[in-house]
N, C-alpha and C. Protein backbone atom coordinates (compact mmCIF):
# COMPACT_ATOMS: atom_id res chain seq x y z
N SER A 1 8.66 -3.76 17.46
CA SER A 1 8.00 -2.54 17.49
C SER A 1 7.38 -2.11 15.94
N ASP A 2 7.96 -2.81 14.90
CA ASP A 2 7.44 -2.62 13.50
C ASP A 2 6.21 -3.32 13.42
N TYR A 3 6.19 -4.59 14.05
CA TYR A 3 5.08 -5.45 13.85
C TYR A 3 3.78 -4.76 14.70
N GLY A 4 4.10 -4.15 15.70
CA GLY A 4 3.28 -3.52 16.66
C GLY A 4 2.52 -2.37 15.85
N LEU A 5 3.35 -1.46 15.22
CA LEU A 5 2.73 -0.32 14.44
C LEU A 5 2.03 -0.90 13.42
N VAL A 6 2.25 -1.85 12.45
CA VAL A 6 1.43 -2.48 11.51
C VAL A 6 0.18 -3.02 12.06
N ALA A 7 0.35 -3.77 13.31
CA ALA A 7 -0.82 -4.26 13.90
C ALA A 7 -1.88 -3.33 14.48
N SER A 8 -1.40 -2.25 14.94
CA SER A 8 -2.08 -1.03 15.38
C SER A 8 -2.96 -0.53 14.17
N ALA A 9 -2.23 -0.28 13.03
CA ALA A 9 -3.04 0.24 11.95
C ALA A 9 -3.91 -0.82 11.26
N THR A 10 -3.65 -1.93 11.57
CA THR A 10 -4.56 -3.21 11.02
C THR A 10 -5.92 -2.98 11.88
N VAL A 11 -5.92 -3.07 13.16
CA VAL A 11 -6.89 -2.95 14.08
C VAL A 11 -7.80 -1.78 13.69
N VAL A 12 -7.25 -0.55 13.50
CA VAL A 12 -7.99 0.59 13.15
C VAL A 12 -8.73 0.32 11.80
N LEU A 13 -8.00 -0.11 10.86
CA LEU A 13 -8.57 -0.28 9.38
C LEU A 13 -9.42 -1.41 9.38
N GLY A 14 -9.17 -2.43 10.20
CA GLY A 14 -10.16 -3.52 10.14
C GLY A 14 -11.80 -3.05 10.75
N PHE A 15 -11.64 -2.23 11.74
CA PHE A 15 -12.78 -1.51 12.18
C PHE A 15 -13.56 -0.80 11.28
N VAL A 16 -12.80 0.02 10.51
CA VAL A 16 -13.38 0.89 9.59
C VAL A 16 -13.69 0.25 8.36
N SER A 17 -13.04 -0.84 7.99
CA SER A 17 -13.57 -1.48 6.79
C SER A 17 -15.01 -2.43 6.96
N ILE A 18 -15.36 -2.56 8.16
CA ILE A 18 -16.62 -2.92 8.41
C ILE A 18 -17.68 -2.08 7.60
N PHE A 19 -17.41 -0.86 7.71
CA PHE A 19 -18.40 0.28 7.26
C PHE A 19 -17.91 0.43 5.93
N GLY A 20 -16.81 0.26 5.30
CA GLY A 20 -16.52 0.38 4.11
C GLY A 20 -17.11 -0.63 3.04
N GLU A 21 -17.21 -1.88 3.69
CA GLU A 21 -17.92 -2.94 2.80
C GLU A 21 -19.20 -2.79 3.01
N ALA A 22 -19.72 -2.49 4.18
CA ALA A 22 -21.13 -2.16 4.72
C ALA A 22 -21.93 -3.54 4.20
N GLY A 23 -21.35 -4.76 4.28
CA GLY A 23 -22.15 -5.82 3.89
C GLY A 23 -22.73 -6.13 2.54
N MET A 24 -22.17 -5.17 1.68
CA MET A 24 -23.00 -5.17 0.23
C MET A 24 -22.33 -6.21 -0.57
N GLY A 25 -21.15 -6.82 -0.27
CA GLY A 25 -20.72 -8.01 -1.08
C GLY A 25 -21.57 -9.23 -0.71
N TYR A 26 -21.88 -9.45 0.49
CA TYR A 26 -22.86 -10.56 0.87
C TYR A 26 -24.38 -10.27 0.44
N ALA A 27 -24.77 -9.18 0.28
CA ALA A 27 -26.09 -8.68 -0.21
C ALA A 27 -26.06 -9.16 -1.87
N LEU A 28 -24.96 -8.94 -2.49
CA LEU A 28 -24.80 -9.22 -3.81
C LEU A 28 -25.01 -10.63 -4.12
N ILE A 29 -24.33 -11.47 -3.08
CA ILE A 29 -24.31 -12.86 -3.31
C ILE A 29 -25.80 -13.54 -3.16
N GLN A 30 -26.62 -12.81 -2.55
CA GLN A 30 -28.00 -13.24 -2.37
C GLN A 30 -28.90 -12.63 -3.35
N TYR A 31 -28.48 -11.45 -4.03
CA TYR A 31 -29.35 -10.84 -5.05
C TYR A 31 -29.86 -11.73 -6.35
N GLN A 32 -31.20 -11.70 -6.55
CA GLN A 32 -31.47 -12.34 -7.54
C GLN A 32 -31.92 -11.78 -8.99
N GLY A 33 -31.76 -10.33 -8.99
CA GLY A 33 -31.96 -9.56 -10.12
C GLY A 33 -30.79 -9.42 -11.19
N ASP A 34 -30.78 -8.49 -11.98
CA ASP A 34 -29.70 -8.26 -13.05
C ASP A 34 -28.36 -8.06 -12.15
N ILE A 35 -27.60 -9.25 -12.11
CA ILE A 35 -26.38 -9.25 -11.28
C ILE A 35 -25.31 -8.37 -11.88
N LYS A 36 -25.04 -8.27 -13.11
CA LYS A 36 -24.09 -7.27 -13.63
C LYS A 36 -24.25 -5.78 -13.27
N LYS A 37 -25.68 -5.36 -13.41
CA LYS A 37 -26.07 -4.04 -12.96
C LYS A 37 -25.78 -3.82 -11.46
N ALA A 38 -26.28 -4.88 -10.59
CA ALA A 38 -26.10 -4.70 -9.35
C ALA A 38 -24.58 -4.59 -8.73
N ALA A 39 -23.98 -5.41 -9.57
CA ALA A 39 -22.39 -5.32 -9.17
C ALA A 39 -21.79 -3.85 -9.43
N ASN A 40 -22.16 -3.41 -10.65
CA ASN A 40 -21.83 -1.94 -10.96
C ASN A 40 -22.25 -1.07 -10.03
N VAL A 41 -23.54 -1.12 -9.58
CA VAL A 41 -24.02 -0.19 -8.48
C VAL A 41 -23.36 -0.41 -7.18
N ILE A 42 -22.98 -1.58 -6.81
CA ILE A 42 -22.23 -1.77 -5.56
C ILE A 42 -20.77 -1.34 -5.58
N PHE A 43 -20.23 -1.57 -6.93
CA PHE A 43 -18.88 -1.11 -7.19
C PHE A 43 -18.70 0.36 -6.86
N GLY A 44 -19.67 1.16 -7.35
CA GLY A 44 -19.56 2.67 -7.42
C GLY A 44 -19.84 3.04 -5.89
N ALA A 45 -20.79 2.41 -5.26
CA ALA A 45 -21.12 2.87 -3.84
C ALA A 45 -20.03 2.56 -2.95
N ASN A 46 -19.31 1.29 -3.12
CA ASN A 46 -18.22 1.02 -2.42
C ASN A 46 -16.87 1.75 -2.58
N PHE A 47 -16.74 2.19 -3.96
CA PHE A 47 -15.62 3.10 -4.05
C PHE A 47 -15.88 4.46 -3.37
N ILE A 48 -16.96 5.01 -3.56
CA ILE A 48 -17.20 6.32 -3.06
C ILE A 48 -17.08 6.41 -1.47
N LEU A 49 -17.79 5.22 -1.00
CA LEU A 49 -17.68 4.88 0.66
C LEU A 49 -16.29 4.90 1.21
N ASN A 50 -15.46 4.03 0.52
CA ASN A 50 -14.21 3.73 0.83
C ASN A 50 -13.37 4.97 0.61
N PHE A 51 -13.52 5.72 -0.31
CA PHE A 51 -12.73 6.97 -0.57
C PHE A 51 -12.95 8.04 0.40
N ILE A 52 -14.22 8.13 0.80
CA ILE A 52 -14.64 9.04 1.99
C ILE A 52 -13.93 8.68 3.30
N LEU A 53 -14.05 7.29 3.52
CA LEU A 53 -13.42 6.75 4.83
C LEU A 53 -11.99 6.89 4.77
N TYR A 54 -11.45 6.67 3.66
CA TYR A 54 -9.86 7.08 3.53
C TYR A 54 -9.76 8.46 4.01
N LEU A 55 -10.32 9.34 3.41
CA LEU A 55 -10.07 10.71 3.94
C LEU A 55 -10.26 10.97 5.27
N ILE A 56 -11.22 10.27 5.86
CA ILE A 56 -11.57 10.50 7.27
C ILE A 56 -10.27 10.01 8.04
N ILE A 57 -9.83 8.73 7.73
CA ILE A 57 -8.65 8.28 8.28
C ILE A 57 -7.39 9.01 8.09
N PHE A 58 -7.25 9.50 6.79
CA PHE A 58 -6.03 10.31 6.47
C PHE A 58 -5.95 11.46 7.58
N PHE A 59 -7.06 12.25 7.50
CA PHE A 59 -7.01 13.46 8.38
C PHE A 59 -7.22 13.23 9.80
N SER A 60 -7.57 12.19 10.17
CA SER A 60 -7.51 11.86 11.65
C SER A 60 -6.33 10.91 12.15
N ALA A 61 -5.41 10.62 11.25
CA ALA A 61 -4.40 9.92 11.54
C ALA A 61 -3.61 10.38 12.75
N SER A 62 -3.43 11.60 12.89
CA SER A 62 -2.73 12.33 14.05
C SER A 62 -3.33 11.73 15.38
N SER A 63 -4.66 12.05 15.42
CA SER A 63 -5.38 11.55 16.68
C SER A 63 -5.28 10.09 16.93
N ILE A 64 -5.40 9.36 15.84
CA ILE A 64 -5.28 7.87 16.02
C ILE A 64 -3.96 7.53 16.72
N ALA A 65 -2.88 8.28 16.17
CA ALA A 65 -1.42 7.99 16.74
C ALA A 65 -1.62 8.48 18.30
N ASN A 66 -2.11 9.51 18.61
CA ASN A 66 -2.11 10.10 19.88
C ASN A 66 -2.96 9.05 20.70
N LEU A 67 -3.92 8.46 20.24
CA LEU A 67 -4.75 7.46 20.83
C LEU A 67 -3.93 6.15 21.38
N PHE A 68 -3.01 5.93 20.33
CA PHE A 68 -2.24 4.72 20.60
C PHE A 68 -0.80 5.09 21.27
N SER A 69 -0.64 6.53 21.55
CA SER A 69 0.58 7.03 22.12
C SER A 69 1.77 6.62 21.46
N ASP A 70 1.67 6.76 19.97
CA ASP A 70 2.79 6.33 19.21
C ASP A 70 2.77 7.39 17.90
N PRO A 71 3.58 8.39 17.95
CA PRO A 71 3.62 9.31 16.88
C PRO A 71 3.95 8.57 15.47
N GLN A 72 4.74 7.62 15.43
CA GLN A 72 5.14 6.91 14.22
C GLN A 72 3.93 6.29 13.47
N LEU A 73 2.84 5.96 14.28
CA LEU A 73 1.64 5.43 13.83
C LEU A 73 0.96 6.18 12.79
N GLU A 74 1.20 7.74 12.87
CA GLU A 74 0.43 8.50 11.84
C GLU A 74 0.63 8.26 10.56
N ASN A 75 1.87 8.18 10.13
CA ASN A 75 2.27 7.87 8.85
C ASN A 75 2.00 6.48 8.27
N VAL A 76 2.08 5.60 9.12
CA VAL A 76 1.71 4.22 8.85
C VAL A 76 0.34 4.07 8.43
N VAL A 77 -0.53 4.70 9.45
CA VAL A 77 -1.97 4.56 9.22
C VAL A 77 -2.37 5.33 7.85
N LYS A 78 -1.77 6.40 7.49
CA LYS A 78 -2.18 7.20 6.42
C LYS A 78 -1.71 6.31 5.07
N VAL A 79 -0.69 5.76 5.22
CA VAL A 79 -0.33 5.10 3.73
C VAL A 79 -1.13 3.69 3.89
N GLN A 80 -1.18 2.82 5.06
CA GLN A 80 -1.89 1.65 5.05
C GLN A 80 -3.39 1.63 4.73
N ALA A 81 -4.01 2.96 5.06
CA ALA A 81 -5.38 3.13 4.90
C ALA A 81 -5.67 3.18 3.22
N LEU A 82 -4.72 3.28 2.42
CA LEU A 82 -5.06 2.89 1.02
C LEU A 82 -5.61 1.65 0.76
N LEU A 83 -5.46 0.66 1.67
CA LEU A 83 -6.22 -0.58 1.58
C LEU A 83 -7.74 -0.49 1.46
N LEU A 84 -8.23 0.64 2.17
CA LEU A 84 -9.65 0.81 1.99
C LEU A 84 -10.22 1.03 0.56
N ILE A 85 -9.38 1.85 -0.15
CA ILE A 85 -9.65 2.09 -1.55
C ILE A 85 -9.23 0.92 -2.41
N PHE A 86 -8.22 0.22 -2.13
CA PHE A 86 -7.95 -1.05 -2.90
C PHE A 86 -9.15 -2.08 -2.49
N ASN A 87 -9.51 -2.28 -1.51
CA ASN A 87 -10.60 -3.12 -1.32
C ASN A 87 -11.99 -2.78 -1.99
N SER A 88 -11.98 -1.58 -2.45
CA SER A 88 -13.27 -1.19 -3.15
C SER A 88 -13.25 -2.03 -4.62
N PHE A 89 -12.02 -2.33 -5.05
CA PHE A 89 -11.81 -2.93 -6.32
C PHE A 89 -11.77 -4.40 -6.23
N SER A 90 -11.74 -4.94 -4.99
CA SER A 90 -11.77 -6.29 -4.99
C SER A 90 -12.99 -6.95 -4.36
N SER A 91 -13.80 -6.20 -3.61
CA SER A 91 -14.84 -6.76 -2.79
C SER A 91 -15.96 -7.32 -3.67
N VAL A 92 -16.42 -6.69 -4.84
CA VAL A 92 -17.49 -7.01 -5.67
C VAL A 92 -16.84 -8.30 -6.50
N GLN A 93 -15.62 -8.27 -6.86
CA GLN A 93 -15.04 -9.42 -7.61
C GLN A 93 -15.19 -10.60 -6.78
N LEU A 94 -14.90 -10.49 -5.40
CA LEU A 94 -14.84 -11.72 -4.44
C LEU A 94 -16.37 -12.16 -4.41
N ALA A 95 -17.19 -11.31 -4.21
CA ALA A 95 -18.59 -11.54 -3.96
C ALA A 95 -19.05 -12.44 -5.08
N LEU A 96 -18.69 -11.82 -6.37
CA LEU A 96 -19.16 -12.65 -7.78
C LEU A 96 -18.70 -14.03 -7.86
N ILE A 97 -17.40 -14.21 -7.23
CA ILE A 97 -16.68 -15.50 -7.31
C ILE A 97 -17.47 -16.37 -6.31
N LYS A 98 -17.75 -15.95 -5.21
CA LYS A 98 -18.45 -16.57 -4.15
C LYS A 98 -19.74 -16.98 -4.66
N LYS A 99 -20.41 -15.95 -5.31
CA LYS A 99 -21.86 -16.35 -5.77
C LYS A 99 -21.98 -17.50 -6.64
N GLU A 100 -20.93 -17.61 -7.56
CA GLU A 100 -20.78 -18.56 -8.52
C GLU A 100 -20.14 -19.88 -7.91
N LEU A 101 -19.85 -19.85 -6.62
CA LEU A 101 -19.22 -20.95 -5.94
C LEU A 101 -17.96 -21.55 -6.65
N GLU A 102 -17.19 -20.51 -7.04
CA GLU A 102 -15.93 -20.81 -7.72
C GLU A 102 -14.80 -20.74 -6.69
N PHE A 103 -14.85 -21.80 -5.76
CA PHE A 103 -13.87 -21.64 -4.66
C PHE A 103 -12.41 -21.93 -5.05
N LYS A 104 -12.20 -22.49 -6.18
CA LYS A 104 -10.88 -22.97 -6.80
C LYS A 104 -10.25 -21.59 -6.99
N LYS A 105 -11.01 -20.67 -7.67
CA LYS A 105 -10.35 -19.32 -7.93
C LYS A 105 -10.14 -18.52 -6.71
N LEU A 106 -11.13 -18.55 -5.73
CA LEU A 106 -10.91 -17.92 -4.49
C LEU A 106 -9.63 -18.48 -3.78
N PHE A 107 -9.53 -19.82 -3.82
CA PHE A 107 -8.33 -20.25 -2.99
C PHE A 107 -6.89 -19.87 -3.75
N LEU A 108 -6.83 -19.98 -5.13
CA LEU A 108 -5.70 -19.50 -5.86
C LEU A 108 -5.46 -17.93 -5.47
N ASN A 109 -6.50 -17.10 -5.67
CA ASN A 109 -6.37 -15.64 -5.28
C ASN A 109 -5.72 -15.47 -3.98
N ARG A 110 -6.38 -16.17 -2.85
CA ARG A 110 -5.76 -15.88 -1.56
C ARG A 110 -4.37 -16.32 -1.45
N ILE A 111 -4.06 -17.50 -1.94
CA ILE A 111 -2.64 -18.11 -2.01
C ILE A 111 -1.63 -17.11 -2.65
N VAL A 112 -2.00 -16.70 -3.83
CA VAL A 112 -1.19 -15.75 -4.55
C VAL A 112 -1.00 -14.42 -3.79
N ALA A 113 -2.08 -13.80 -3.17
CA ALA A 113 -1.99 -12.57 -2.45
C ALA A 113 -1.34 -12.85 -1.06
N LEU A 114 -1.15 -14.03 -0.70
CA LEU A 114 -0.39 -14.16 0.53
C LEU A 114 1.12 -14.50 0.32
N VAL A 115 1.44 -15.17 -0.74
CA VAL A 115 2.90 -15.68 -1.01
C VAL A 115 3.60 -14.61 -1.68
N VAL A 116 3.08 -13.86 -2.70
CA VAL A 116 3.90 -12.86 -3.30
C VAL A 116 4.31 -11.74 -2.39
N PRO A 117 3.57 -11.20 -1.55
CA PRO A 117 4.17 -10.22 -0.65
C PRO A 117 5.28 -10.73 0.27
N PHE A 118 5.34 -11.82 0.58
CA PHE A 118 6.57 -12.47 1.18
C PHE A 118 7.91 -12.26 0.53
N PHE A 119 7.79 -12.50 -0.75
CA PHE A 119 9.09 -12.18 -1.45
C PHE A 119 9.41 -10.65 -1.76
N ILE A 120 8.47 -9.81 -1.29
CA ILE A 120 8.81 -8.36 -1.49
C ILE A 120 9.06 -7.92 0.05
N THR A 121 8.29 -8.31 0.92
CA THR A 121 8.63 -7.97 2.42
C THR A 121 10.02 -8.24 2.93
N ILE A 122 10.40 -9.33 2.75
CA ILE A 122 11.63 -10.03 3.39
C ILE A 122 12.77 -9.22 2.76
N PRO A 123 13.04 -9.06 1.34
CA PRO A 123 14.20 -8.26 0.88
C PRO A 123 14.04 -6.93 1.37
N LEU A 124 12.95 -6.32 1.32
CA LEU A 124 12.98 -4.96 1.96
C LEU A 124 13.29 -4.59 3.36
N ALA A 125 12.81 -5.69 4.07
CA ALA A 125 13.34 -5.69 5.54
C ALA A 125 14.69 -5.95 5.76
N TYR A 126 15.22 -6.75 4.83
CA TYR A 126 16.80 -7.05 4.96
C TYR A 126 17.49 -5.64 4.55
N LEU A 127 16.90 -5.09 3.46
CA LEU A 127 17.62 -3.67 3.23
C LEU A 127 17.42 -2.31 3.97
N GLY A 128 16.50 -2.64 5.18
CA GLY A 128 16.40 -1.74 6.14
C GLY A 128 15.25 -0.90 6.08
N PHE A 129 14.21 -1.30 5.32
CA PHE A 129 13.01 -0.58 5.42
C PHE A 129 12.16 -0.58 6.59
N LYS A 130 12.49 -1.43 7.50
CA LYS A 130 11.77 -1.71 8.80
C LYS A 130 10.32 -1.67 8.52
N VAL A 131 9.57 -0.91 9.24
CA VAL A 131 8.03 -0.94 9.12
C VAL A 131 7.52 -0.69 7.78
N TRP A 132 8.27 -0.11 6.88
CA TRP A 132 7.62 0.19 5.71
C TRP A 132 7.91 -1.02 4.74
N ALA A 133 8.61 -2.00 5.10
CA ALA A 133 8.67 -3.32 4.33
C ALA A 133 7.36 -4.06 4.67
N LEU A 134 6.86 -3.92 5.95
CA LEU A 134 5.59 -4.58 6.11
C LEU A 134 4.44 -4.07 5.47
N VAL A 135 4.39 -2.61 5.48
CA VAL A 135 3.25 -1.74 4.94
C VAL A 135 3.37 -2.15 3.28
N ILE A 136 4.61 -1.90 2.82
CA ILE A 136 4.59 -2.34 1.40
C ILE A 136 4.16 -3.64 1.09
N GLY A 137 4.56 -4.63 1.91
CA GLY A 137 3.95 -6.04 1.68
C GLY A 137 2.62 -6.08 1.70
N VAL A 138 1.92 -5.49 2.75
CA VAL A 138 0.43 -5.43 2.82
C VAL A 138 -0.29 -5.07 1.68
N LEU A 139 0.29 -3.81 1.19
CA LEU A 139 -0.36 -3.13 0.19
C LEU A 139 -0.15 -3.98 -1.14
N THR A 140 1.00 -4.46 -1.35
CA THR A 140 1.39 -5.21 -2.48
C THR A 140 0.43 -6.61 -2.63
N GLY A 141 0.31 -7.24 -1.50
CA GLY A 141 -0.71 -8.18 -1.34
C GLY A 141 -2.13 -8.01 -1.79
N SER A 142 -2.52 -6.79 -1.46
CA SER A 142 -3.83 -6.33 -1.99
C SER A 142 -3.90 -6.17 -3.48
N LEU A 143 -2.73 -5.40 -3.85
CA LEU A 143 -2.74 -5.16 -5.33
C LEU A 143 -2.70 -6.32 -6.14
N ILE A 144 -2.04 -7.42 -5.64
CA ILE A 144 -1.75 -8.64 -6.31
C ILE A 144 -3.15 -9.42 -6.28
N GLN A 145 -3.86 -9.26 -5.21
CA GLN A 145 -5.31 -9.90 -5.15
C GLN A 145 -6.19 -9.19 -6.19
N ILE A 146 -6.16 -7.90 -6.33
CA ILE A 146 -6.92 -7.21 -7.40
C ILE A 146 -6.72 -7.74 -8.76
N LEU A 147 -5.27 -7.70 -8.95
CA LEU A 147 -4.89 -8.20 -10.31
C LEU A 147 -5.39 -9.62 -10.70
N THR A 148 -5.24 -10.55 -9.78
CA THR A 148 -5.53 -11.95 -9.94
C THR A 148 -7.08 -12.01 -10.11
N LEU A 149 -7.75 -11.16 -9.41
CA LEU A 149 -9.06 -11.28 -9.62
C LEU A 149 -9.77 -10.83 -10.90
N TYR A 150 -9.16 -9.78 -11.44
CA TYR A 150 -9.34 -9.23 -12.64
C TYR A 150 -8.96 -10.19 -13.88
N PHE A 151 -7.85 -11.10 -13.57
CA PHE A 151 -7.60 -11.91 -14.67
C PHE A 151 -8.58 -13.29 -14.63
N GLN A 152 -8.92 -13.58 -13.44
CA GLN A 152 -10.05 -14.71 -13.29
C GLN A 152 -11.45 -14.41 -13.60
N ASN A 153 -11.88 -13.27 -13.31
CA ASN A 153 -13.24 -12.89 -13.49
C ASN A 153 -13.40 -12.36 -14.83
N ARG A 154 -14.53 -12.41 -15.50
CA ARG A 154 -15.08 -11.71 -16.66
C ARG A 154 -15.64 -10.37 -16.50
N TRP A 155 -16.10 -9.97 -15.22
CA TRP A 155 -16.68 -8.88 -15.06
C TRP A 155 -15.62 -7.73 -14.76
N THR A 156 -15.70 -6.49 -15.51
CA THR A 156 -15.11 -5.31 -15.34
C THR A 156 -15.99 -4.19 -14.86
N PRO A 157 -15.61 -3.53 -13.77
CA PRO A 157 -16.49 -2.53 -13.16
C PRO A 157 -16.90 -1.35 -14.02
N LYS A 158 -17.99 -0.84 -13.91
CA LYS A 158 -18.36 0.50 -14.54
C LYS A 158 -19.30 1.16 -13.59
N PHE A 159 -19.06 2.48 -13.57
CA PHE A 159 -19.89 3.40 -12.69
C PHE A 159 -21.31 3.44 -13.14
N GLU A 160 -22.24 2.85 -12.50
CA GLU A 160 -23.55 2.85 -12.77
C GLU A 160 -24.36 3.08 -11.55
N PHE A 161 -25.29 3.90 -11.54
CA PHE A 161 -26.25 4.09 -10.46
C PHE A 161 -27.65 3.72 -10.72
N ASP A 162 -28.15 3.05 -9.88
CA ASP A 162 -29.68 2.79 -9.72
C ASP A 162 -30.10 2.78 -8.37
N LEU A 163 -30.82 3.65 -7.99
CA LEU A 163 -31.12 4.03 -6.72
C LEU A 163 -32.00 2.87 -6.01
N SER A 164 -32.99 2.22 -7.04
CA SER A 164 -33.83 0.97 -6.56
C SER A 164 -32.98 -0.11 -6.13
N ILE A 165 -31.94 -0.48 -6.98
CA ILE A 165 -31.05 -1.67 -6.61
C ILE A 165 -30.23 -1.27 -5.60
N LEU A 166 -29.69 -0.03 -5.32
CA LEU A 166 -29.11 0.34 -4.20
C LEU A 166 -29.75 0.21 -2.87
N LYS A 167 -31.05 0.56 -2.95
CA LYS A 167 -31.91 0.61 -1.62
C LYS A 167 -32.13 -0.88 -1.31
N LYS A 168 -32.36 -1.83 -2.44
CA LYS A 168 -32.57 -3.16 -2.01
C LYS A 168 -31.33 -3.92 -1.30
N LEU A 169 -30.30 -3.59 -1.85
CA LEU A 169 -28.92 -4.32 -1.44
C LEU A 169 -28.53 -3.63 -0.05
N PHE A 170 -28.82 -2.29 0.02
CA PHE A 170 -28.46 -1.56 1.29
C PHE A 170 -29.26 -2.12 2.39
N THR A 171 -30.68 -2.39 2.16
CA THR A 171 -31.54 -2.86 3.07
C THR A 171 -31.00 -4.28 3.79
N ARG A 172 -30.50 -5.11 2.80
CA ARG A 172 -30.13 -6.48 3.16
C ARG A 172 -28.67 -6.26 3.71
N SER A 173 -27.85 -5.31 3.44
CA SER A 173 -26.56 -5.22 4.13
C SER A 173 -26.48 -4.67 5.51
N ILE A 174 -27.65 -3.92 5.94
CA ILE A 174 -27.71 -3.34 7.19
C ILE A 174 -27.64 -4.36 8.19
N CYS A 175 -28.18 -5.48 8.25
CA CYS A 175 -28.09 -6.61 9.17
C CYS A 175 -26.65 -7.20 9.12
N ILE A 176 -26.09 -7.41 7.99
CA ILE A 176 -24.79 -7.88 7.93
C ILE A 176 -23.70 -7.02 8.63
N THR A 177 -23.83 -5.78 8.38
CA THR A 177 -23.06 -4.68 9.09
C THR A 177 -23.10 -4.78 10.41
N ARG A 178 -24.32 -4.87 10.88
CA ARG A 178 -24.49 -5.05 12.39
C ARG A 178 -23.80 -6.35 12.87
N GLU A 179 -23.87 -7.38 12.25
CA GLU A 179 -23.37 -8.57 12.62
C GLU A 179 -21.77 -8.42 12.66
N GLY A 180 -21.26 -7.71 11.67
CA GLY A 180 -19.91 -7.47 11.57
C GLY A 180 -19.37 -6.75 12.81
N LEU A 181 -20.14 -5.56 13.18
CA LEU A 181 -19.86 -4.89 14.45
C LEU A 181 -19.79 -5.57 15.66
C-alpha cells in the first residue's frame, strides 16, 4: 500500500511536471543566442511556474486524495510535490549538460541520484517509517541530483528577466509541451 501511495502521487506529479518544465529545457538546448542569459531567464521562469504549481497541488491535495479514494494520499502529495520546486533547480543544469553533449556527467549524475536514496530509504523503512521512507528517498534523490549538478557544472543561476528571450524560448517550448501531453 505504501508503494501505491507513492505511485499515485508520482502519477499526479508526473502530469503536473509537464507544465512545470513547459519544454523550456529542450528549447534551451536548441537556443543559439546568449546561453547564460537564456539559462537565467528560464531558471527564473521555471522557478516561478513550479512554485505556483506547487501551491496549486498543495491546496488541492485533499481533492486529489478524494479522487483516488485514499485519505492518506493527501499528505504524501503535499510533501512529494516539493519535487516540483526541486526540479526547477535541476532542469536548466540538465539542459546545459545535454547541450554540451556531456553525457558522462549526465550518467554519473543519474547513477548517484538513484543509488544514494537506496541507502536512505531502506534503513528508514526498516525503522518503521513506512510510506515516508519512500517519500524521503525520492526527495533525497532529487536533492542529490541538484547538488551533483552544481558540482559538475560551472553555471550558477541568477534571477534575470528578458521578455524577448522568454518569448523566443516559450514559442519553441509550446510544441514540446504538447508532445509531452
